[in-house]
Protein backbone atom coordinates (compact mmCIF):
# COMPACT_ATOMS: atom_id res chain seq x y z
CA MET A 1 114.42 249.74 -22.23
CA GLN A 2 114.80 247.83 -25.51
CA LEU A 3 117.53 245.18 -25.37
CA ASP A 4 119.72 244.72 -28.43
CA HIS A 5 118.62 241.12 -29.03
CA GLU A 6 114.90 241.85 -28.70
CA PRO A 7 113.00 242.45 -31.93
CA LEU A 8 110.88 245.56 -32.09
CA ILE A 9 107.17 245.14 -31.48
CA ARG A 10 104.86 245.97 -34.36
CA VAL A 11 102.31 248.67 -33.63
CA MET A 12 99.72 246.41 -35.26
CA ALA A 13 100.65 243.87 -32.59
CA LEU A 14 99.73 246.38 -29.89
CA HIS A 15 96.34 246.65 -31.57
CA ALA A 16 95.97 242.85 -31.36
CA LEU A 17 97.14 242.91 -27.72
CA ALA A 18 94.49 245.45 -26.74
CA TYR A 19 91.87 243.38 -28.55
CA CYS A 20 92.86 239.99 -27.08
CA GLU A 21 96.11 238.82 -25.47
CA ARG A 22 95.69 235.36 -26.96
CA LEU A 23 95.40 236.87 -30.44
CA PHE A 24 98.64 238.78 -29.84
CA TYR A 25 100.39 235.62 -28.66
CA LEU A 26 99.29 233.51 -31.60
CA GLU A 27 100.27 236.15 -34.15
CA GLU A 28 103.46 237.57 -32.65
CA VAL A 29 104.95 234.73 -30.61
CA GLU A 30 103.83 231.68 -32.58
CA GLU A 31 103.68 233.63 -35.85
CA ILE A 32 100.29 232.26 -36.88
CA ARG A 33 98.53 234.72 -39.13
CA VAL A 34 95.35 234.05 -41.07
CA ALA A 35 93.98 236.59 -43.54
CA ASP A 36 90.19 236.36 -43.81
CA GLU A 37 87.81 238.46 -45.89
CA ARG A 38 87.88 241.31 -43.34
CA VAL A 39 91.67 241.50 -43.50
CA TYR A 40 91.62 241.55 -47.31
CA ALA A 41 88.91 244.22 -47.28
CA GLY A 42 91.06 246.37 -45.01
CA ARG A 43 94.04 246.01 -47.31
CA THR A 44 91.92 246.97 -50.30
CA LEU A 45 90.69 250.08 -48.48
CA HIS A 46 94.24 251.24 -47.80
CA GLU A 47 95.27 250.63 -51.41
CA GLU A 48 92.29 252.60 -52.72
CA LEU A 49 92.95 255.52 -50.38
CA ALA A 50 96.60 255.64 -51.40
CA LEU A 51 95.56 255.97 -55.06
CA GLU A 52 92.89 258.59 -54.35
CA GLU A 53 94.77 260.87 -51.98
CA GLY A 54 98.25 260.99 -53.51
CA GLU A 55 101.56 261.46 -51.73
CA GLU A 56 100.16 262.87 -48.52
CA HIS A 57 98.57 259.49 -47.91
CA SER A 58 101.60 257.45 -48.84
CA ALA A 59 102.28 254.96 -46.06
CA PHE A 60 105.78 254.83 -44.64
CA GLU A 61 107.51 252.90 -41.90
CA ILE A 62 109.12 254.27 -38.73
CA GLU A 63 110.84 252.42 -35.91
CA SER A 64 112.22 253.39 -32.54
CA SER A 65 114.58 251.41 -30.33
CA ALA A 66 113.84 253.79 -27.46
CA LEU A 67 110.12 253.03 -27.63
CA GLY A 68 110.70 249.42 -28.71
CA ILE A 69 108.15 249.59 -31.51
CA SER A 70 107.94 249.86 -35.29
CA GLY A 71 105.03 250.57 -37.58
CA LYS A 72 103.71 251.58 -40.95
CA LEU A 73 101.59 254.72 -40.77
CA ASP A 74 98.54 254.90 -43.02
CA ALA A 75 98.88 258.63 -43.62
CA VAL A 76 100.35 261.83 -42.17
CA ARG A 77 98.92 265.29 -42.72
CA ARG A 78 100.00 268.77 -41.72
CA ARG A 79 97.25 270.47 -39.72
CA GLY A 80 97.70 273.89 -38.04
CA GLY A 81 101.46 273.58 -38.27
CA THR A 82 101.43 270.15 -36.59
CA TRP A 83 101.92 266.70 -38.03
CA ILE A 84 98.90 264.44 -37.45
CA PRO A 85 98.99 260.65 -38.08
CA TYR A 86 95.82 259.18 -39.56
CA GLU A 87 94.69 255.58 -39.15
CA TYR A 88 91.97 254.18 -41.44
CA LYS A 89 89.49 251.57 -40.31
CA ARG A 90 86.86 249.86 -42.43
CA GLY A 91 84.33 249.48 -39.61
CA ARG A 92 82.29 251.81 -37.42
CA ALA A 93 83.37 254.03 -34.56
CA ARG A 94 82.50 253.22 -30.96
CA ARG A 95 79.41 254.93 -29.56
CA ALA A 96 79.63 256.40 -26.08
CA GLU A 97 76.66 256.48 -23.70
CA ASP A 98 75.91 260.08 -24.65
CA GLY A 99 75.79 259.14 -28.33
CA SER A 100 79.14 260.68 -29.26
CA THR A 101 81.71 258.75 -31.25
CA GLU A 102 85.08 257.63 -29.97
CA ALA A 103 87.88 255.30 -30.97
CA TRP A 104 87.81 251.68 -29.91
CA PRO A 105 90.48 250.99 -27.23
CA SER A 106 92.58 248.86 -29.57
CA ASP A 107 92.44 251.55 -32.28
CA ALA A 108 93.30 254.26 -29.75
CA VAL A 109 96.46 252.53 -28.53
CA GLN A 110 97.52 251.91 -32.13
CA ALA A 111 96.96 255.55 -33.13
CA ALA A 112 98.78 256.86 -30.03
CA ALA A 113 101.74 254.59 -30.72
CA TYR A 114 101.99 255.91 -34.27
CA ALA A 115 101.90 259.47 -32.90
CA MET A 116 104.77 258.70 -30.52
CA LEU A 117 106.81 257.24 -33.38
CA LEU A 118 106.10 260.27 -35.54
CA GLU A 119 107.02 262.59 -32.69
CA GLU A 120 110.43 260.99 -32.30
CA HIS A 121 110.96 260.88 -36.06
CA THR A 122 110.17 264.58 -36.65
CA ASP A 123 111.43 265.87 -33.28
CA GLU A 124 108.15 267.80 -33.05
CA ALA A 125 105.31 267.50 -30.59
CA VAL A 126 102.37 265.45 -31.89
CA PRO A 127 99.41 266.25 -29.62
CA GLU A 128 96.85 264.00 -31.27
CA ALA A 129 96.14 261.24 -33.77
CA ARG A 130 93.01 260.64 -35.77
CA VAL A 131 91.12 257.50 -36.70
CA ARG A 132 88.86 257.51 -39.75
CA TYR A 133 85.99 254.99 -39.61
CA HIS A 134 84.73 254.52 -43.15
CA ALA A 135 81.60 252.53 -42.41
CA ASP A 136 79.96 255.59 -40.85
CA SER A 137 82.23 258.32 -42.33
CA VAL A 138 83.43 259.51 -38.93
CA THR A 139 86.85 260.82 -37.97
CA VAL A 140 87.66 260.48 -34.27
CA ARG A 141 90.41 262.46 -32.52
CA VAL A 142 92.67 260.58 -30.12
CA PRO A 143 94.50 262.89 -27.65
CA VAL A 144 98.12 261.88 -27.19
CA ASP A 145 98.46 262.95 -23.58
CA ASP A 146 100.28 261.42 -20.62
CA ALA A 147 97.49 258.90 -20.09
CA ALA A 148 97.63 257.71 -23.71
CA ARG A 149 101.43 257.47 -23.61
CA GLY A 150 101.21 255.44 -20.43
CA VAL A 151 98.81 253.01 -22.09
CA VAL A 152 101.23 252.53 -24.97
CA ARG A 153 104.23 251.95 -22.68
CA ARG A 154 102.35 249.46 -20.53
CA ALA A 155 101.20 247.65 -23.66
CA VAL A 156 104.80 247.40 -24.89
CA GLU A 157 105.88 246.01 -21.53
CA ARG A 158 103.07 243.46 -21.51
CA ALA A 159 103.95 242.43 -25.07
CA ARG A 160 107.53 241.75 -23.97
CA GLU A 161 106.31 239.66 -21.05
CA LEU A 162 104.11 237.55 -23.31
CA ARG A 163 106.91 237.04 -25.83
CA SER A 164 109.02 235.46 -23.09
CA CYS A 165 106.25 233.04 -22.01
CA LEU A 166 105.76 229.47 -23.22
CA GLU A 167 102.11 229.26 -22.19
CA ARG A 168 99.33 230.75 -24.28
CA PRO A 169 97.08 233.28 -22.54
CA PRO A 170 93.47 232.13 -21.97
CA VAL A 171 90.74 232.77 -24.51
CA ALA A 172 88.95 236.10 -24.28
CA SER A 173 86.31 236.36 -21.57
CA ASN A 174 84.15 238.37 -24.00
CA GLU A 175 83.05 235.71 -26.49
CA SER A 176 81.76 238.34 -28.93
CA LEU A 177 85.37 239.28 -29.70
CA CYS A 178 85.98 235.78 -31.04
CA ILE A 179 83.22 236.03 -33.65
CA ARG A 180 85.16 238.66 -35.61
CA CYS A 181 88.63 237.15 -35.09
CA SER A 182 90.43 235.67 -38.11
CA LEU A 183 92.33 233.27 -35.83
CA ALA A 184 89.25 231.64 -34.31
CA PRO A 185 89.82 228.46 -36.44
CA VAL A 186 93.26 228.16 -34.81
CA CYS A 187 92.37 229.28 -31.30
CA LEU A 188 89.11 227.25 -31.10
CA PRO A 189 87.62 229.45 -28.36
CA GLU A 190 84.12 228.00 -28.64
CA GLU A 191 85.43 224.45 -28.40
CA GLU A 192 87.46 225.42 -25.33
CA ARG A 193 84.37 226.89 -23.69
CA LEU A 194 82.55 223.63 -24.44
CA ALA A 195 85.34 221.70 -22.68
CA ILE A 196 84.72 223.84 -19.59
CA ASP A 197 80.93 223.78 -19.75
CA SER A 198 79.26 220.73 -21.32
CA ASP A 199 76.02 222.71 -21.67
CA TRP A 200 77.71 225.38 -23.80
CA GLU A 201 76.30 225.61 -27.31
CA PRO A 202 79.32 226.48 -29.45
CA LEU A 203 78.96 228.94 -32.30
CA ARG A 204 80.26 227.78 -35.65
CA LEU A 205 83.67 229.51 -35.97
CA PHE A 206 85.60 226.55 -37.41
CA PRO A 207 85.24 226.46 -41.23
CA PRO A 208 83.19 223.53 -42.60
CA ASP A 209 85.76 222.72 -45.29
CA ASP A 210 89.09 223.80 -46.74
CA GLU A 211 88.97 226.25 -49.58
CA GLY A 212 92.36 225.12 -50.88
CA GLU A 213 92.60 222.34 -53.45
CA VAL A 214 94.82 219.27 -53.21
CA VAL A 215 96.48 218.40 -56.54
CA HIS A 216 97.78 214.85 -57.09
CA VAL A 217 100.38 214.34 -59.82
CA THR A 218 100.46 210.64 -60.75
CA GLY A 219 102.21 210.42 -64.13
CA PRO A 220 105.82 209.18 -63.90
CA HIS A 221 106.99 211.70 -66.50
CA SER A 222 104.90 214.64 -65.32
CA ARG A 223 106.61 217.91 -64.47
CA VAL A 224 105.59 220.77 -62.19
CA ARG A 225 106.97 224.25 -62.79
CA CYS A 226 105.87 227.74 -61.88
CA SER A 227 104.64 230.58 -64.01
CA GLY A 228 104.29 233.80 -62.06
CA ASP A 229 102.22 232.97 -58.98
CA SER A 230 100.79 229.77 -60.46
CA LEU A 231 101.92 226.15 -60.64
CA VAL A 232 101.83 224.52 -64.05
CA VAL A 233 101.51 220.73 -64.23
CA GLU A 234 102.79 219.37 -67.56
CA LEU A 235 101.43 215.88 -68.22
CA GLU A 236 103.04 213.15 -70.28
CA ASP A 237 100.71 213.68 -73.23
CA GLY A 238 101.64 217.36 -73.45
CA GLU A 239 98.54 218.65 -71.66
CA LYS A 240 99.16 221.54 -69.26
CA ARG A 241 97.06 222.46 -66.24
CA THR A 242 97.53 225.69 -64.32
CA PHE A 243 96.70 226.19 -60.65
CA PRO A 244 97.04 229.54 -58.81
CA ALA A 245 99.28 228.87 -55.81
CA ASN A 246 97.01 230.79 -53.44
CA ALA A 247 94.15 228.43 -54.35
CA LEU A 248 96.11 225.29 -53.38
CA ARG A 249 96.48 223.58 -50.04
CA ALA A 250 98.79 220.75 -51.04
CA LEU A 251 100.66 219.25 -53.99
CA VAL A 252 101.18 215.47 -53.93
CA ILE A 253 103.74 213.81 -56.21
CA HIS A 254 103.21 210.08 -56.81
CA GLY A 255 106.18 208.21 -58.22
CA HIS A 256 108.87 209.98 -60.24
CA GLY A 257 107.18 213.22 -61.23
CA GLN A 258 109.54 216.21 -61.34
CA VAL A 259 109.17 219.52 -59.47
CA THR A 260 111.40 222.46 -60.37
CA THR A 261 113.28 224.41 -57.72
CA GLN A 262 111.26 227.49 -58.58
CA ALA A 263 108.00 225.55 -58.07
CA ILE A 264 109.22 224.26 -54.69
CA ARG A 265 110.07 227.81 -53.64
CA LEU A 266 106.63 229.06 -54.72
CA CYS A 267 104.99 226.29 -52.68
CA ALA A 268 107.02 227.28 -49.62
CA ALA A 269 106.24 230.98 -50.05
CA SER A 270 102.52 230.34 -50.60
CA GLY A 271 101.98 227.89 -47.76
CA VAL A 272 101.37 224.96 -50.11
CA SER A 273 102.62 221.74 -48.51
CA LEU A 274 104.48 219.43 -50.90
CA HIS A 275 104.33 215.65 -50.42
CA TRP A 276 106.09 212.73 -52.13
CA LEU A 277 104.79 209.14 -52.32
CA THR A 278 106.23 206.17 -54.17
CA ALA A 279 104.30 204.77 -57.11
CA GLY A 280 103.28 201.89 -54.84
CA GLY A 281 101.78 204.26 -52.29
CA SER A 282 104.49 204.44 -49.61
CA TYR A 283 104.86 207.87 -48.03
CA ILE A 284 108.33 209.39 -48.50
CA GLY A 285 108.26 212.86 -46.99
CA ALA A 286 106.98 216.41 -47.12
CA LEU A 287 108.02 220.03 -47.35
CA SER A 288 106.00 222.45 -45.26
CA ALA A 289 106.99 226.07 -44.81
CA GLY A 290 106.34 227.99 -41.65
CA ALA A 291 107.98 229.63 -38.69
CA GLY A 292 107.09 230.19 -35.07
CA GLN A 293 106.65 226.51 -34.20
CA VAL A 294 109.26 226.49 -31.44
CA HIS A 295 106.86 227.25 -28.58
CA ARG A 296 104.30 224.75 -29.84
CA ARG A 297 106.85 221.97 -30.02
CA ILE A 298 108.39 222.77 -26.63
CA ARG A 299 104.93 222.49 -25.06
CA GLN A 300 104.31 219.24 -26.96
CA TYR A 301 107.62 217.77 -25.76
CA ALA A 302 106.91 218.76 -22.16
CA ALA A 303 103.45 217.19 -22.24
CA LEU A 304 104.39 213.97 -24.06
CA SER A 305 107.39 213.38 -21.82
CA ASP A 306 104.95 212.37 -19.07
CA PRO A 307 104.23 208.60 -19.34
CA ASP A 308 100.97 208.83 -17.40
CA PHE A 309 99.73 211.65 -19.61
CA CYS A 310 100.62 209.64 -22.73
CA LEU A 311 98.85 206.55 -21.41
CA GLY A 312 95.70 208.57 -20.78
CA LEU A 313 95.72 209.91 -24.35
CA ALA A 314 96.49 206.46 -25.76
CA LYS A 315 93.56 204.88 -23.93
CA ARG A 316 91.16 207.44 -25.36
CA LEU A 317 92.64 207.00 -28.84
CA ALA A 318 92.53 203.19 -28.81
CA HIS A 319 89.03 203.17 -27.34
CA ALA A 320 87.81 205.53 -30.07
CA LYS A 321 89.35 203.38 -32.80
CA VAL A 322 87.95 200.07 -31.52
CA GLU A 323 84.53 201.52 -30.80
CA GLY A 324 84.46 202.88 -34.35
CA GLN A 325 85.30 199.43 -35.75
CA LEU A 326 82.63 197.82 -33.59
CA ARG A 327 79.95 200.31 -34.57
CA TYR A 328 80.75 199.97 -38.25
CA VAL A 329 80.52 196.16 -38.23
CA LEU A 330 77.26 196.30 -36.30
CA ARG A 331 75.83 198.82 -38.76
CA ALA A 332 77.06 196.96 -41.85
CA THR A 333 75.62 193.61 -40.73
CA ARG A 334 72.33 194.73 -39.20
CA GLU A 335 70.33 193.77 -42.31
CA MET A 336 71.52 190.16 -42.17
CA ALA A 337 68.95 187.58 -41.17
CA SER A 338 71.53 186.18 -38.78
CA ARG A 339 75.14 187.20 -38.36
CA PRO A 340 77.71 184.51 -39.26
CA GLU A 341 79.60 182.88 -36.41
CA THR A 342 82.84 184.59 -37.47
CA VAL A 343 81.20 188.00 -37.20
CA LEU A 344 79.61 187.20 -33.83
CA ARG A 345 82.95 186.00 -32.49
CA ALA A 346 84.69 189.14 -33.78
CA LEU A 347 82.07 191.42 -32.23
CA ASN A 348 82.55 189.68 -28.91
CA GLU A 349 86.34 190.07 -29.12
CA MET A 350 86.01 193.78 -29.88
CA ARG A 351 83.68 194.27 -26.92
CA GLN A 352 86.11 192.42 -24.66
CA ALA A 353 88.94 194.66 -25.86
CA LEU A 354 86.88 197.77 -25.11
CA ALA A 355 86.14 196.52 -21.61
CA ALA A 356 89.80 195.74 -20.91
CA MET A 357 91.34 198.96 -22.20
CA PRO A 358 90.53 201.20 -19.21
CA ARG A 359 92.40 198.72 -16.96
CA ALA A 360 95.55 198.60 -19.12
CA GLU A 361 98.58 199.40 -16.96
CA GLY A 362 100.82 200.43 -19.82
CA ILE A 363 101.07 201.17 -23.52
CA ASP A 364 102.18 197.62 -24.38
CA SER A 365 99.15 195.96 -22.82
CA LEU A 366 96.90 198.57 -24.45
CA ARG A 367 98.42 197.75 -27.84
CA GLY A 368 97.69 194.08 -27.16
CA HIS A 369 93.99 194.76 -26.69
CA GLU A 370 93.87 197.08 -29.70
CA GLY A 371 95.74 194.53 -31.87
CA ALA A 372 93.33 191.73 -30.91
CA SER A 373 90.40 193.93 -31.83
CA GLY A 374 92.05 194.84 -35.14
CA ARG A 375 92.47 191.20 -36.11
CA ALA A 376 88.84 190.57 -35.20
CA PHE A 377 87.73 193.54 -37.29
CA PHE A 378 89.64 192.45 -40.40
CA SER A 379 88.21 188.95 -40.06
CA THR A 380 84.74 190.45 -40.64
CA LEU A 381 85.61 192.28 -43.88
CA PRO A 382 84.73 189.38 -46.24
CA PHE A 383 81.25 189.35 -44.69
CA LEU A 384 80.82 193.10 -45.28
CA LEU A 385 81.17 192.58 -49.03
CA THR A 386 78.05 191.67 -50.96
CA GLU A 387 77.51 188.15 -52.27
CA GLY A 388 78.05 189.18 -55.88
CA THR A 389 81.52 190.62 -55.22
CA PRO A 390 84.04 188.84 -57.48
CA GLU A 391 86.24 186.44 -55.55
CA VAL A 392 89.34 188.17 -56.89
CA MET A 393 88.27 191.40 -55.13
CA ARG A 394 87.95 189.76 -51.72
CA PRO A 395 90.71 189.72 -49.08
CA THR A 396 92.29 186.26 -49.07
CA GLU A 397 94.16 186.10 -45.77
CA GLY A 398 92.94 188.99 -43.67
CA ARG A 399 95.21 192.03 -43.59
CA SER A 400 98.44 191.84 -45.61
CA ARG A 401 100.68 194.91 -45.80
CA ARG A 402 104.19 194.44 -47.16
CA PRO A 403 103.46 193.62 -49.85
CA PRO A 404 99.69 193.42 -50.38
CA ILE A 405 98.90 189.94 -51.67
CA ASP A 406 95.42 190.65 -53.03
CA ARG A 407 93.54 193.48 -54.68
CA PHE A 408 91.50 194.43 -51.62
CA ASN A 409 94.61 194.83 -49.47
CA ALA A 410 96.33 196.80 -52.23
CA LEU A 411 93.44 199.27 -52.13
CA LEU A 412 93.46 199.30 -48.34
CA SER A 413 97.19 200.09 -48.18
CA PHE A 414 97.06 202.78 -50.86
CA GLY A 415 94.15 204.51 -49.12
CA TYR A 416 95.99 204.40 -45.80
CA ALA A 417 98.98 206.05 -47.49
CA LEU A 418 96.70 208.85 -48.70
CA LEU A 419 95.28 209.16 -45.19
CA TYR A 420 98.79 209.30 -43.75
CA ARG A 421 99.52 212.21 -46.08
CA SER A 422 96.38 214.08 -44.97
CA VAL A 423 97.07 213.59 -41.27
CA HIS A 424 100.73 214.52 -41.72
CA GLN A 425 99.68 217.73 -43.46
CA ALA A 426 97.28 218.57 -40.62
CA VAL A 427 99.97 217.95 -38.00
CA LEU A 428 102.35 220.29 -39.83
CA ALA A 429 99.62 222.89 -40.28
CA VAL A 430 98.94 222.94 -36.54
CA GLY A 431 102.69 223.22 -35.90
CA LEU A 432 103.27 220.02 -33.96
CA GLU A 433 106.28 217.72 -34.22
CA PRO A 434 105.14 214.62 -36.14
CA ALA A 435 108.02 212.52 -34.79
CA LEU A 436 106.88 212.91 -31.17
CA GLY A 437 103.82 210.76 -30.49
CA PHE A 438 102.21 209.11 -27.50
CA TYR A 439 101.11 205.65 -28.68
CA HIS A 440 103.18 204.31 -31.57
CA THR A 441 106.90 203.74 -31.11
CA PRO A 442 109.41 205.15 -33.63
CA ARG A 443 110.49 202.02 -35.50
CA SER A 444 110.41 203.05 -39.17
CA ALA A 445 110.33 206.07 -41.43
CA ALA A 446 106.71 206.69 -40.45
CA GLN A 447 106.12 209.53 -37.98
CA PRO A 448 104.67 208.28 -34.65
CA LEU A 449 102.26 211.18 -34.05
CA VAL A 450 100.86 210.80 -37.57
CA LEU A 451 100.36 207.07 -37.00
CA ASP A 452 98.66 207.85 -33.68
CA LEU A 453 96.13 210.23 -35.18
CA MET A 454 95.50 208.03 -38.22
CA GLU A 455 93.84 205.48 -35.95
CA LEU A 456 90.86 207.80 -35.52
CA PHE A 457 90.18 207.99 -39.26
CA ARG A 458 90.97 204.62 -40.83
CA VAL A 459 87.40 203.36 -40.55
CA PRO A 460 85.32 206.50 -41.26
CA VAL A 461 87.52 207.96 -44.00
CA TRP A 462 88.79 204.95 -45.95
CA ASP A 463 87.39 201.59 -44.80
CA VAL A 464 83.78 202.73 -45.22
CA ALA A 465 84.47 204.35 -48.60
CA LEU A 466 86.47 201.40 -49.92
CA ILE A 467 84.00 198.70 -48.94
CA GLY A 468 81.19 200.74 -50.45
CA SER A 469 83.10 201.12 -53.73
CA VAL A 470 83.86 197.38 -53.93
CA ASN A 471 80.21 196.56 -53.29
CA ARG A 472 79.24 198.94 -56.10
CA ARG A 473 81.63 197.13 -58.52
CA GLN A 474 83.67 200.29 -59.17
CA TRP A 475 86.95 198.41 -59.65
CA ASP A 476 88.12 196.57 -62.74
CA PRO A 477 90.07 193.55 -61.43
CA ASP A 478 92.33 193.69 -64.49
CA ALA A 479 92.67 197.36 -65.48
CA SER A 480 92.89 198.76 -61.94
CA PHE A 481 95.71 196.49 -60.72
CA VAL A 482 99.13 195.13 -61.58
CA VAL A 483 99.93 191.62 -60.34
CA THR A 484 103.57 190.49 -60.14
CA GLY A 485 103.95 187.10 -58.49
CA LYS A 486 102.42 187.39 -55.05
CA ARG A 487 102.48 191.18 -55.13
CA VAL A 488 99.50 193.24 -56.14
CA TRP A 489 99.75 196.96 -56.88
CA LEU A 490 97.43 199.58 -58.27
CA SER A 491 97.88 200.52 -61.92
CA ASP A 492 98.01 204.17 -63.02
CA ALA A 493 94.27 204.03 -63.68
CA GLY A 494 93.67 202.35 -60.32
CA ARG A 495 95.65 205.00 -58.45
CA ARG A 496 93.71 207.79 -60.13
CA LYS A 497 90.41 206.12 -59.24
CA ALA A 498 91.51 205.58 -55.62
CA ILE A 499 92.63 209.20 -55.30
CA GLU A 500 89.31 210.39 -56.69
CA LEU A 501 87.40 208.15 -54.26
CA TYR A 502 89.53 209.30 -51.32
CA GLU A 503 89.29 213.04 -52.08
CA ARG A 504 85.54 212.70 -52.61
CA ARG A 505 85.25 211.04 -49.20
CA LEU A 506 87.26 213.83 -47.55
CA ALA A 507 84.86 216.39 -49.02
CA GLU A 508 81.79 214.66 -47.57
CA THR A 509 80.29 216.36 -44.54
CA TRP A 510 78.99 214.91 -41.33
CA LYS A 511 77.63 216.32 -38.08
CA HIS A 512 80.24 216.22 -35.36
CA PRO A 513 78.59 214.45 -32.40
CA VAL A 514 80.45 216.52 -29.79
CA MET A 515 80.64 219.96 -31.41
CA ASN A 516 77.18 219.56 -32.92
CA TYR A 517 78.09 221.29 -36.16
CA SER A 518 78.70 219.91 -39.65
CA LEU A 519 82.08 219.83 -41.34
CA SER A 520 83.94 217.81 -43.94
CA TYR A 521 86.13 214.86 -43.05
CA ARG A 522 89.06 216.89 -44.36
CA ARG A 523 88.36 219.59 -41.78
CA THR A 524 87.63 216.97 -39.12
CA ILE A 525 91.21 215.72 -39.35
CA GLU A 526 92.61 219.20 -38.69
CA LEU A 527 90.08 219.81 -35.91
CA GLU A 528 91.13 216.62 -34.14
CA VAL A 529 94.81 217.63 -34.28
CA ARG A 530 93.93 221.01 -32.78
CA LEU A 531 91.83 219.34 -30.08
CA LEU A 532 94.85 217.16 -29.27
CA GLU A 533 96.96 220.29 -28.83
CA LYS A 534 94.24 221.63 -26.51
CA GLU A 535 95.12 218.78 -24.15
CA TRP A 536 98.23 220.72 -23.13
CA THR A 537 97.57 224.30 -24.30
CA GLY A 538 94.03 225.00 -23.18
CA LYS A 539 91.13 223.06 -21.78
CA PRO A 540 91.43 219.28 -22.28
CA GLY A 541 88.69 216.73 -22.73
CA LEU A 542 87.46 216.95 -26.32
CA PHE A 543 90.16 214.92 -28.08
CA ALA A 544 89.14 211.51 -29.50
CA ARG A 545 85.50 211.83 -28.45
CA ALA A 546 83.94 211.78 -31.93
CA ARG A 547 82.38 208.46 -33.00
CA LEU A 548 80.64 206.95 -35.98
CA ARG A 549 76.91 207.12 -35.47
């Protein structure tokens, strides 16, 4: 019985349910849908068939509150005085043991559901449905008998049960199903199997890099508008650059650039996150469209309301950060004939912090150990710069933030703002609440969960890239900076160079030491956010395990 407040279930959702209950849950409950090349190929097939076959193949939608389902039929034909629904599939039919062809179970339940809808709509008996498999040019008949109707009704009932649950179903027991699933980069089934079995060799289902482009708009008088399905960036000198919205991942406005309402709406409709930063590099906020995040955030709140659970995550996070700092300093100073006393003392302090962290009884004491290690790490930075580095490009008093008092710290702060934007975007993409973290306390406009996750990437994404660029003399001490009293900021040219350096670093690939596959740093950030979510939605144990080699 369909209740008035319950939305109808899509017949396509029953297909997903028969294929994998977790796929159904992600698509229908959490409303996560990813169109890969197979999905686009299927859409193209339906469009081509509609043009070739004429009105008889025109798709139309039917819904039924009695059945509790709605769907869009591919085609309906009159055969022997009976209406027959047709479903078109791009792939091959299933082969039975005797060599005959039959419909795949998920296709059969979908076709039978369409037949039941058509039966109610026409008030005529519909004894069968047909599925056309175009890869092998086979049409399979699906009898719509009592058994098939029972399968459909049980599927509808199971779909309703899953829609009322907060917990995701487990990953499919048949791992071959995951290989062809468009939601594998969200579900991370191979990574979850690795968390269960350390000897598991995960297949590469997580994309190595993002296909979408990130566009930074830095000119104070620049303007972004839309033209059709594209964003047009109008620069101060009159130059115009056009970007198809479906080719973008994010649009970042630095300073006072303008964005029209129509452009904002296009970003929201196309899944392009929109971010604003001040000209000095402080993060202001973001717009990210998307629905279906309620269940994800309820689970996050339930998990992060447990102090012991939060402390466990925080220990792993802080340990990963400090170990990364330690490894980097060791690697950067290994060619020295003898390490300076300051470096040796800092290395010892970082090792002491690592040893003390597992015994920390609370977040505050853990922060104390992590803070001591951070001060030790920053004390080594002058020794990581080559001897010929101009004095004006060296940090003068360790780490200075508000405001930066030297050029090195200005670069460090601006890069961390860019990193904050990337992590914030990944958190929103995964559907988590950025304001609810487990390590940092909410004491400013910065989002605690974003600050938490940033700790994993400060060294590998920005510190390494920045120190390398300073050692290569890539910065003009005059043209790249603006000095006002004791404040040092990046000039327009300096910001553009820093953005270029940062985006180039994000695009670099490395071999993940836990997953044992290569991916870009940009993708690594998203992967780590999804592994964090696995701590309370799947199999825990993989979060914050990656390290610099």
